[in-house]
Amino acid sequence: MIRACFAFLMTLIASLACAKEEPPPALDKAALERARRPIVLSVPGMERVVVHSDLTYTQTDDPLVRMDVYVPADLQADERRPIVMLVHGGVPVSLPVKDMGAYRSWGRLIAAHGMVAVTFTHRLRWPLSQLQESASDVRAAIDFVR
């Protein structure tokens, strides 16, 4: 079993290393509008969640690299709660994922259940060889939340 998993991982790594680095396809205006819609699920308390928007969590010249923090309405100043960080995948920073409807809805849903939710946009872009910036941003986001 372990050999099979190792072989699969090695095949995956080799295919990623040989993959052609291409930018993602451009999204039209209608696709962007659909992506900004909230998800259908809602629970009581989502409307009372406190949202701290567009926080600067790392030093960069890019104004789109920002963070939103969703806090339960009943959170006291000295109280600690579990934190859920929502980390996006291969989306360029020009499409701030934290502003997409699914991420906003998940942030409110998590906070309505008593935890703190964190959504943020980081610099994961093409070519994929620039993953260092993304890793640096994710590390900075974790440090900021701590």
Protein backbone atom coordinates (compact mmCIF):
# COMPACT_ATOMS: atom_id res chain seq x y z
CA MET A 1 0.00 0.00 0.00
CA ILE A 2 2.77 2.43 0.94
CA ARG A 3 4.65 1.61 -2.28
CA ALA A 4 1.51 2.25 -4.33
CA CYS A 5 0.98 5.63 -2.64
CA PHE A 6 4.64 6.52 -3.13
CA ALA A 7 4.50 5.54 -6.80
CA PHE A 8 1.37 7.62 -7.28
CA LEU A 9 2.97 10.65 -5.62
CA MET A 10 6.13 10.32 -7.70
CA THR A 11 4.06 10.11 -10.88
CA LEU A 12 2.08 13.17 -9.83
CA ILE A 13 5.21 15.16 -9.02
CA ALA A 14 6.81 14.18 -12.34
CA SER A 15 3.72 15.20 -14.29
CA LEU A 16 3.56 18.55 -12.50
CA ALA A 17 7.23 19.20 -13.15
CA CYS A 18 6.73 18.53 -16.88
CA ALA A 19 3.45 20.40 -17.13
CA LYS A 20 3.39 23.46 -19.33
CA GLU A 21 2.90 26.59 -17.27
CA GLU A 22 0.04 28.52 -18.82
CA PRO A 23 -2.08 31.32 -17.40
CA PRO A 24 -5.65 30.45 -16.46
CA PRO A 25 -8.36 31.19 -18.99
CA ALA A 26 -9.86 34.66 -18.76
CA LEU A 27 -13.26 34.88 -17.07
CA ASP A 28 -15.99 36.93 -18.66
CA LYS A 29 -18.06 39.44 -16.70
CA ALA A 30 -21.01 37.04 -16.27
CA ALA A 31 -18.74 34.33 -14.81
CA LEU A 32 -17.30 36.83 -12.32
CA GLU A 33 -20.78 37.92 -11.24
CA ARG A 34 -21.79 34.28 -10.66
CA ALA A 35 -18.64 33.71 -8.60
CA ARG A 36 -19.50 36.66 -6.34
CA ARG A 37 -22.92 35.26 -5.43
CA PRO A 38 -23.28 33.74 -1.95
CA ILE A 39 -23.82 30.04 -1.54
CA VAL A 40 -27.38 28.88 -0.93
CA LEU A 41 -26.85 27.47 2.58
CA SER A 42 -27.55 29.81 5.47
CA VAL A 43 -27.94 29.29 9.19
CA PRO A 44 -29.29 31.48 12.00
CA GLY A 45 -26.70 33.99 13.17
CA MET A 46 -24.90 34.48 9.87
CA GLU A 47 -26.30 38.00 9.59
CA ARG A 48 -24.88 38.96 13.04
CA VAL A 49 -21.29 37.93 12.26
CA VAL A 50 -18.74 40.76 12.53
CA VAL A 51 -16.48 41.05 9.48
CA HIS A 52 -13.13 42.84 9.56
CA SER A 53 -12.42 43.43 5.87
CA ASP A 54 -9.37 44.23 3.78
CA LEU A 55 -6.75 43.85 6.51
CA THR A 56 -3.13 44.20 5.41
CA TYR A 57 -1.38 41.05 6.63
CA THR A 58 1.91 41.26 4.69
CA GLN A 59 4.15 43.88 3.12
CA THR A 60 3.45 44.10 -0.60
CA ASP A 61 2.74 46.77 -3.19
CA ASP A 62 -0.26 44.77 -4.43
CA PRO A 63 -3.46 46.32 -3.02
CA LEU A 64 -5.39 43.09 -3.64
CA VAL A 65 -3.35 40.99 -1.19
CA ARG A 66 -5.68 41.40 1.78
CA MET A 67 -7.46 39.42 4.48
CA ASP A 68 -11.00 39.27 5.88
CA VAL A 69 -11.69 37.94 9.39
CA TYR A 70 -15.18 36.69 10.33
CA VAL A 71 -15.85 36.80 14.08
CA PRO A 72 -18.82 35.40 16.03
CA ALA A 73 -21.09 38.19 17.28
CA ASP A 74 -20.77 37.04 20.90
CA LEU A 75 -16.95 36.90 20.97
CA GLN A 76 -15.54 38.69 24.03
CA ALA A 77 -12.33 40.74 23.77
CA ASP A 78 -10.27 38.32 25.91
CA GLU A 79 -11.85 35.12 24.59
CA ARG A 80 -10.10 32.59 22.36
CA ARG A 81 -11.89 30.54 19.72
CA PRO A 82 -10.78 28.00 17.11
CA ILE A 83 -9.72 29.54 13.81
CA VAL A 84 -10.44 28.14 10.36
CA MET A 85 -8.24 29.56 7.59
CA LEU A 86 -9.59 29.16 4.07
CA VAL A 87 -6.65 28.96 1.66
CA HIS A 88 -7.45 29.21 -2.03
CA GLY A 89 -5.72 27.38 -4.83
CA GLY A 90 -4.69 28.42 -8.32
CA VAL A 91 -6.47 31.75 -8.72
CA PRO A 92 -4.50 34.85 -9.75
CA VAL A 93 -4.47 37.76 -7.30
CA SER A 94 -6.38 39.86 -9.85
CA LEU A 95 -9.45 37.78 -8.88
CA PRO A 96 -9.53 38.30 -5.09
CA VAL A 97 -10.89 34.98 -3.87
CA LYS A 98 -11.74 36.37 -0.44
CA ASP A 99 -14.38 38.51 -2.16
CA MET A 100 -16.05 35.57 -3.92
CA GLY A 101 -19.49 34.56 -2.70
CA ALA A 102 -18.50 31.07 -1.57
CA TYR A 103 -15.67 32.37 0.62
CA ARG A 104 -17.84 35.11 2.14
CA SER A 105 -20.60 32.60 2.80
CA TRP A 106 -18.20 30.06 4.34
CA GLY A 107 -16.69 32.80 6.51
CA ARG A 108 -20.11 33.75 7.87
CA LEU A 109 -21.17 30.12 8.26
CA ILE A 110 -18.05 29.22 10.26
CA ALA A 111 -18.35 32.31 12.49
CA ALA A 112 -22.06 31.64 13.08
CA HIS A 113 -21.00 28.26 14.48
CA GLY A 114 -18.74 29.93 17.05
CA MET A 115 -15.34 29.83 15.34
CA VAL A 116 -13.29 32.57 13.72
CA ALA A 117 -12.93 32.31 9.93
CA VAL A 118 -10.11 33.83 7.91
CA THR A 119 -10.16 34.32 4.15
CA PHE A 120 -7.32 35.94 2.30
CA THR A 121 -5.94 36.52 -1.15
CA HIS A 122 -2.36 35.48 -1.77
CA ARG A 123 -0.05 35.74 -4.76
CA LEU A 124 -0.44 32.37 -6.43
CA ARG A 125 0.08 33.12 -10.06
CA TRP A 126 1.63 31.89 -13.25
CA PRO A 127 4.21 30.79 -13.97
CA LEU A 128 3.98 28.24 -11.18
CA SER A 129 7.70 28.57 -10.58
CA GLN A 130 6.80 31.67 -8.53
CA LEU A 131 5.35 29.62 -5.69
CA GLN A 132 7.76 31.24 -3.24
CA GLU A 133 5.60 34.40 -3.15
CA SER A 134 2.52 32.32 -2.42
CA ALA A 135 4.24 30.35 0.33
CA SER A 136 5.52 33.59 1.84
CA ASP A 137 2.01 35.09 1.82
CA VAL A 138 0.43 32.01 3.42
CA ARG A 139 3.14 32.00 6.10
CA ALA A 140 2.55 35.74 6.70
CA ALA A 141 -1.21 35.16 6.99
CA ILE A 142 -0.71 32.46 9.62
CA ASP A 143 1.72 34.68 11.54
CA PHE A 144 -0.72 37.62 11.37
CA VAL A 145 -3.56 35.50 12.75
CA ARG A 146 -1.41 34.15 15.56
